[in-house]
Protein backbone atom coordinates (compact mmCIF):
# COMPACT_ATOMS: atom_id res chain seq x y z
CA UNK A 1 -24.58 21.08 24.25
CA UNK A 2 -23.60 23.51 21.53
CA UNK A 3 -22.96 22.88 17.83
CA UNK A 4 -20.57 25.37 16.30
CA UNK A 5 -21.48 26.95 12.97
CA UNK A 6 -17.81 27.26 11.97
CA UNK A 7 -15.28 24.44 11.90
CA UNK A 8 -11.75 24.82 13.34
CA UNK A 9 -9.89 25.41 10.08
CA UNK A 10 -6.47 24.20 11.14
CA UNK A 11 -7.83 20.95 12.56
CA UNK A 12 -9.69 20.33 9.30
CA UNK A 13 -6.47 20.86 7.37
CA UNK A 14 -4.50 18.48 9.60
CA UNK A 15 -7.19 15.80 9.37
CA UNK A 16 -7.29 16.29 5.59
CA UNK A 17 -3.59 15.41 5.53
CA UNK A 18 -4.06 12.45 7.89
CA UNK A 19 -6.90 11.10 5.76
CA UNK A 20 -4.22 10.38 3.15
CA UNK A 21 -1.94 8.49 5.59
CA UNK A 22 -2.45 4.75 5.21
CA UNK A 23 -1.75 3.25 8.66
CA UNK A 24 -3.44 0.22 10.20
CA UNK A 25 -4.00 1.50 13.74
CA UNK A 26 -6.98 2.63 15.85
CA UNK A 27 -5.79 6.24 15.57
CA UNK A 28 -5.76 6.09 11.76
CA UNK A 29 -7.86 8.60 9.85
CA UNK A 30 -7.12 7.12 6.45
CA UNK A 31 -10.24 7.45 4.30
CA UNK A 32 -10.25 6.57 0.60
CA UNK A 33 -13.63 8.25 0.16
CA UNK A 34 -12.29 11.56 1.46
CA UNK A 35 -9.16 11.11 -0.68
CA UNK A 36 -11.40 10.66 -3.72
CA UNK A 37 -13.51 13.70 -2.84
CA UNK A 38 -10.41 15.85 -2.35
CA UNK A 39 -8.93 14.61 -5.62
CA UNK A 40 -12.08 15.63 -7.46
CA UNK A 41 -11.67 19.20 -6.21
CA UNK A 42 -7.89 19.58 -5.99
CA UNK A 43 -6.41 17.01 -8.36
CA UNK A 44 -4.40 13.97 -7.31
CA UNK A 45 -2.28 14.16 -4.18
CA UNK A 46 0.59 12.69 -6.22
CA UNK A 47 0.82 16.00 -8.07
CA UNK A 48 1.63 17.74 -4.78
CA UNK A 49 3.95 17.05 -1.88
CA UNK A 50 0.99 15.58 0.02
CA UNK A 51 1.36 12.06 -1.40
CA UNK A 52 5.04 11.84 -0.47
CA UNK A 53 4.43 13.37 2.94
CA UNK A 54 1.61 10.89 3.62
CA UNK A 55 3.92 7.95 2.91
CA UNK A 56 6.62 9.42 5.14
CA UNK A 57 4.13 10.00 7.96
CA UNK A 58 3.10 6.36 7.74
CA UNK A 59 6.73 5.40 8.27
CA UNK A 60 7.34 7.85 11.13
CA UNK A 61 4.04 7.06 12.88
CA UNK A 62 3.33 3.41 12.06
CA UNK A 63 1.38 2.49 15.20
CA UNK A 64 -1.40 3.81 17.39
CA UNK A 65 0.75 5.53 20.01
CA UNK A 66 2.95 7.36 17.50
CA UNK A 67 0.04 8.41 15.31
CA UNK A 68 -2.09 9.56 18.26
CA UNK A 69 0.84 11.59 19.59
CA UNK A 70 1.40 13.33 16.27
CA UNK A 71 -2.33 14.05 15.84
CA UNK A 72 -2.20 16.46 18.75
CA UNK A 73 -0.95 18.94 16.15
CA UNK A 74 -4.59 19.42 15.14
CA UNK A 75 -5.37 21.15 18.44
CA UNK A 76 -2.29 23.39 18.48
CA UNK A 77 -3.77 26.23 16.41
CA UNK A 78 -7.28 27.40 15.72
CA UNK A 79 -6.76 29.05 12.34
CA UNK A 80 -4.53 28.67 9.32
CA UNK A 81 -2.93 32.10 9.59
CA UNK A 82 -1.65 31.55 13.12
CA UNK A 83 -0.19 28.17 12.13
CA UNK A 84 1.52 29.63 9.06
CA UNK A 85 3.09 32.40 11.13
CA UNK A 86 4.97 29.71 13.11
CA UNK A 87 5.58 27.24 10.30
CA UNK A 88 9.28 28.04 9.86
CA UNK A 89 10.09 27.46 13.53
CA UNK A 90 10.39 24.01 15.14
CA UNK A 91 8.05 23.06 17.95
CA UNK A 92 10.79 23.28 20.54
CA UNK A 93 11.24 26.97 19.75
CA UNK A 94 7.57 27.89 20.10
CA UNK A 95 6.27 29.50 23.26
CA UNK A 96 2.87 29.78 24.90
CA UNK A 97 2.07 33.04 23.09
CA UNK A 98 2.65 31.45 19.68
CA UNK A 99 -0.02 28.76 19.91
CA UNK A 100 -3.60 28.26 21.07
CA UNK A 101 -2.93 25.14 23.15
CA UNK A 102 0.43 25.69 24.88
CA UNK A 103 -0.04 22.62 27.07
CA UNK A 104 0.46 20.51 23.94
CA UNK A 105 3.91 21.84 23.11
CA UNK A 106 5.77 19.44 25.42
CA UNK A 107 3.97 16.26 24.26
CA UNK A 108 4.35 17.31 20.63
CA UNK A 109 8.08 17.86 21.09
CA UNK A 110 8.20 14.33 22.50
CA UNK A 111 6.29 13.09 19.44
CA UNK A 112 9.34 14.11 17.45
CA UNK A 113 9.72 13.98 13.69
CA UNK A 114 6.18 12.73 13.02
CA UNK A 115 4.63 15.84 14.57
CA UNK A 116 7.04 18.15 12.77
CA UNK A 117 6.40 16.45 9.44
CA UNK A 118 2.65 16.68 9.97
CA UNK A 119 2.98 20.43 10.57
CA UNK A 120 5.09 20.78 7.43
CA UNK A 121 2.74 18.69 5.32
CA UNK A 122 -0.21 20.76 6.51
CA UNK A 123 1.56 24.01 5.73
CA UNK A 124 2.46 22.89 2.20
CA UNK A 125 -1.10 21.72 1.61
CA UNK A 126 -2.68 24.95 2.93
CA UNK A 127 -3.08 26.81 -0.40
CA UNK A 128 -4.75 23.76 -1.95
CA UNK A 129 -6.96 23.07 1.06
CA UNK A 130 -8.25 26.66 0.91
CA UNK A 131 -9.71 25.87 -2.52
CA UNK A 132 -12.14 23.28 -1.16
CA UNK A 133 -15.69 24.65 -1.38
CA UNK A 134 -17.53 25.13 1.88
CA UNK A 135 -20.09 22.37 2.46
CA UNK A 136 -23.78 23.06 2.86
CA UNK A 137 -24.48 21.86 6.40
CA UNK A 138 -27.96 21.30 7.77
CA UNK A 139 -27.14 22.12 11.38
CA UNK A 140 -30.77 21.75 12.40
CA UNK A 141 -30.82 18.07 11.42
CA UNK A 142 -27.59 17.46 13.33
CA UNK A 143 -28.93 19.21 16.41
CA UNK A 144 -32.17 17.21 16.24
CA UNK A 145 -30.21 13.95 15.99
CA UNK A 146 -28.02 15.00 18.91
CA UNK A 147 -31.08 15.74 21.05
CA UNK A 148 -32.26 12.18 20.39
CA UNK A 149 -28.97 10.47 21.24
CA UNK A 150 -28.41 12.67 24.29
CA UNK A 151 -30.73 10.34 26.22
CA UNK A 152 -28.00 7.72 25.89
CA UNK A 153 -25.07 10.12 26.30
CA UNK A 154 -25.76 12.66 29.05
CA UNK A 155 -22.18 13.95 28.86
CA UNK A 156 -23.08 15.62 25.55
CA UNK A 157 -24.77 18.37 27.56
CA UNK A 158 -21.33 19.52 28.73
CA UNK A 159 -19.70 19.49 25.30
CA UNK A 160 -19.21 21.78 22.32
CA UNK A 161 -19.42 20.02 18.98
CA UNK A 162 -17.79 21.01 15.70
CA UNK A 163 -18.24 19.38 12.30
CA UNK A 164 -15.06 18.67 10.29
CA UNK A 165 -15.31 17.31 6.77
CA UNK A 166 -12.25 15.00 6.67
CA UNK A 167 -13.34 13.12 9.81
CA UNK A 168 -16.40 11.77 7.99
CA UNK A 169 -17.34 8.63 9.96
CA UNK A 170 -14.89 9.23 12.79
CA UNK A 171 -14.63 11.54 15.77
CA UNK A 172 -12.18 13.02 18.22
CA UNK A 173 -12.54 14.46 21.72
CA UNK A 174 -10.27 16.61 23.84
CA UNK A 175 -11.49 18.39 26.92
CA UNK A 176 -15.10 19.37 26.30
CA UNK A 177 -14.61 19.72 22.54
CA UNK A 178 -15.93 17.00 20.29
CA UNK A 179 -15.10 16.88 16.59
CA UNK A 180 -17.14 14.72 14.22
CA UNK A 181 -17.80 14.52 10.48
CA UNK A 182 -20.16 16.52 8.30
CA UNK A 183 -23.35 14.79 7.07
CA UNK A 184 -23.35 14.00 3.37
CA UNK A 185 -26.56 12.66 1.86
CA UNK A 186 -24.73 11.03 -1.07
CA UNK A 187 -21.65 9.45 0.54
CA UNK A 188 -22.40 9.56 4.23
CA UNK A 189 -22.33 10.03 7.09
CA UNK A 190 -25.95 10.64 8.01
CA UNK A 191 -26.95 13.11 10.75
CA UNK A 192 -27.82 10.06 12.86
CA UNK A 193 -24.31 8.64 12.45
CA UNK A 194 -22.71 11.98 13.29
CA UNK A 195 -24.83 12.20 16.45
CA UNK A 196 -23.95 8.68 17.61
CA UNK A 197 -20.28 9.31 16.92
CA UNK A 198 -20.51 12.43 19.06
CA UNK A 199 -22.29 10.36 21.72
CA UNK A 200 -19.42 7.87 21.69
CA UNK A 201 -16.84 10.65 22.04
CA UNK A 202 -18.81 12.18 24.92
CA UNK A 203 -18.97 8.79 26.63
CA UNK A 204 -15.21 8.36 26.16
CA UNK A 205 -14.78 11.73 27.88
CA UNK A 206 -17.07 10.62 30.72
CA UNK A 207 -15.28 7.29 31.29
CA UNK A 208 -11.88 8.93 30.85
CA UNK A 209 -12.54 11.08 33.91
CA UNK A 210 -11.75 7.98 35.99
CA UNK A 211 -8.01 8.02 36.73
CA UNK A 212 -5.61 5.23 35.87
CA UNK A 213 -7.44 3.61 32.94
CA UNK A 214 -5.47 2.90 29.76
CA UNK A 215 -6.75 4.69 26.65
CA UNK A 216 -7.84 1.58 24.76
CA UNK A 217 -9.71 0.31 27.84
CA UNK A 218 -11.49 3.66 28.11
CA UNK A 219 -12.69 3.15 24.54
CA UNK A 220 -14.05 -0.32 25.28
CA UNK A 221 -15.72 0.79 28.49
CA UNK A 222 -17.34 3.65 26.57
CA UNK A 223 -18.65 1.24 23.94
CA UNK A 224 -20.25 -0.96 26.60
CA UNK A 225 -21.67 2.00 28.52
CA UNK A 226 -23.19 3.64 25.45
CA UNK A 227 -24.74 0.34 24.31
CA UNK A 228 -26.34 -0.18 27.73
CA UNK A 229 -27.72 3.34 27.81
CA UNK A 230 -29.00 3.05 24.22
CA UNK A 231 -30.95 -0.04 25.24
CA UNK A 232 -32.45 1.75 28.23
CA UNK A 233 -33.37 4.72 26.01
CA UNK A 234 -35.02 2.52 23.39
CA UNK A 235 -32.41 3.47 20.80
CA UNK A 236 -30.87 0.05 20.10
CA UNK A 237 -31.67 -0.02 16.35
CA UNK A 238 -30.05 3.37 15.76
CA UNK A 239 -27.08 2.46 17.92
CA UNK A 240 -26.61 -0.79 15.98
CA UNK A 241 -26.66 1.14 12.71
CA UNK A 242 -23.81 3.28 14.01
CA UNK A 243 -21.87 0.23 15.18
CA UNK A 244 -22.30 -1.39 11.76
CA UNK A 245 -19.92 1.10 10.15
CA UNK A 246 -17.06 -0.74 11.87
CA UNK A 247 -17.86 -3.83 9.79
CA UNK A 248 -15.94 -6.89 10.93
CA UNK A 249 -14.03 -4.69 13.39
CA UNK A 250 -17.15 -3.70 15.33
CA UNK A 251 -16.36 -3.76 19.06
CA UNK A 252 -18.30 -6.10 21.33
CA UNK A 253 -20.87 -4.32 23.47
CA UNK A 254 -21.34 -6.84 26.28
CA UNK A 255 -19.89 -6.19 29.70
CA UNK A 256 -18.16 -9.59 29.61
CA UNK A 257 -15.48 -7.76 27.62
CA UNK A 258 -14.58 -5.81 30.77
CA UNK A 259 -12.61 -6.69 33.85
CA UNK A 260 -14.47 -6.86 37.15
CA UNK A 261 -13.25 -3.39 38.10
CA UNK A 262 -14.14 -1.92 34.70
CA UNK A 263 -17.58 -3.53 34.86
CA UNK A 264 -18.20 -2.09 38.30
CA UNK A 265 -17.25 1.39 37.11
CA UNK A 266 -19.50 1.20 34.07
CA UNK A 267 -22.44 -0.02 36.16
CA UNK A 268 -21.87 2.81 38.63
CA UNK A 269 -22.11 5.33 35.80
CA UNK A 270 -25.32 3.72 34.55
CA UNK A 271 -26.80 3.83 38.05
CA UNK A 272 -25.75 7.43 38.57
CA UNK A 273 -27.37 8.47 35.29
CA UNK A 274 -30.59 6.69 36.14
CA UNK A 275 -30.66 8.34 39.56
CA UNK A 276 -30.26 11.79 37.98
CA UNK A 277 -33.05 11.14 35.48
CA UNK A 278 -35.33 9.64 38.13
CA UNK A 279 -35.68 6.29 36.37
């Protein structure tokens, strides 16, 4: 497990844009707290193209599938300069040498206008986003929290973790890269929350290695698996505090929420982990 000292700048920019997009879907990153924080530093989004672009993105990507497909833009480039160099060319004209994740070009072309608009919105917001002050991050506290939760999420050992401000309470995973929010003592999240969010993303990665499981079922299986492991690790109170941020939308953690096949797979992962740890 490795925690990066530098955040992927382009992903932060894209998530900053998406935090302004008000969509009621699991893939939504809309966050009024982040919007307020950004406004304090940059002025209101309504004074820039960002507000209009956010509304348009909500129209073009109104549901989970469309929004999740467009969000792949965040992984396409590592830095702002490389993204800007390609900004004037549509996705369908870009080649493998132009981007940092060429395998995403085809799915992003399929995502259509939403992905292209997200790229454009990010490019127009770039000079403003650059003005955001760098946060003071206590990496040691995050690493300590991660070491604690790793007992309930062994897959974390195989992952690289980066902290991205606009994600705040949320997280994303692709391959062995996990992106979570930056701790903020005043507005949240706490290092503990960041660690449990990373644990959830790592568990999603672990469950997702099984073929043929729909994305939303992977999420539910990961919730059940992490809850079971937290109980075995004696971390139930901390895990419940993380779950509480979902409010009324908190997912159920009992295995009765799973099909017989899903339950069997989750129990096999629990048993395999216990065998490796000798418990």
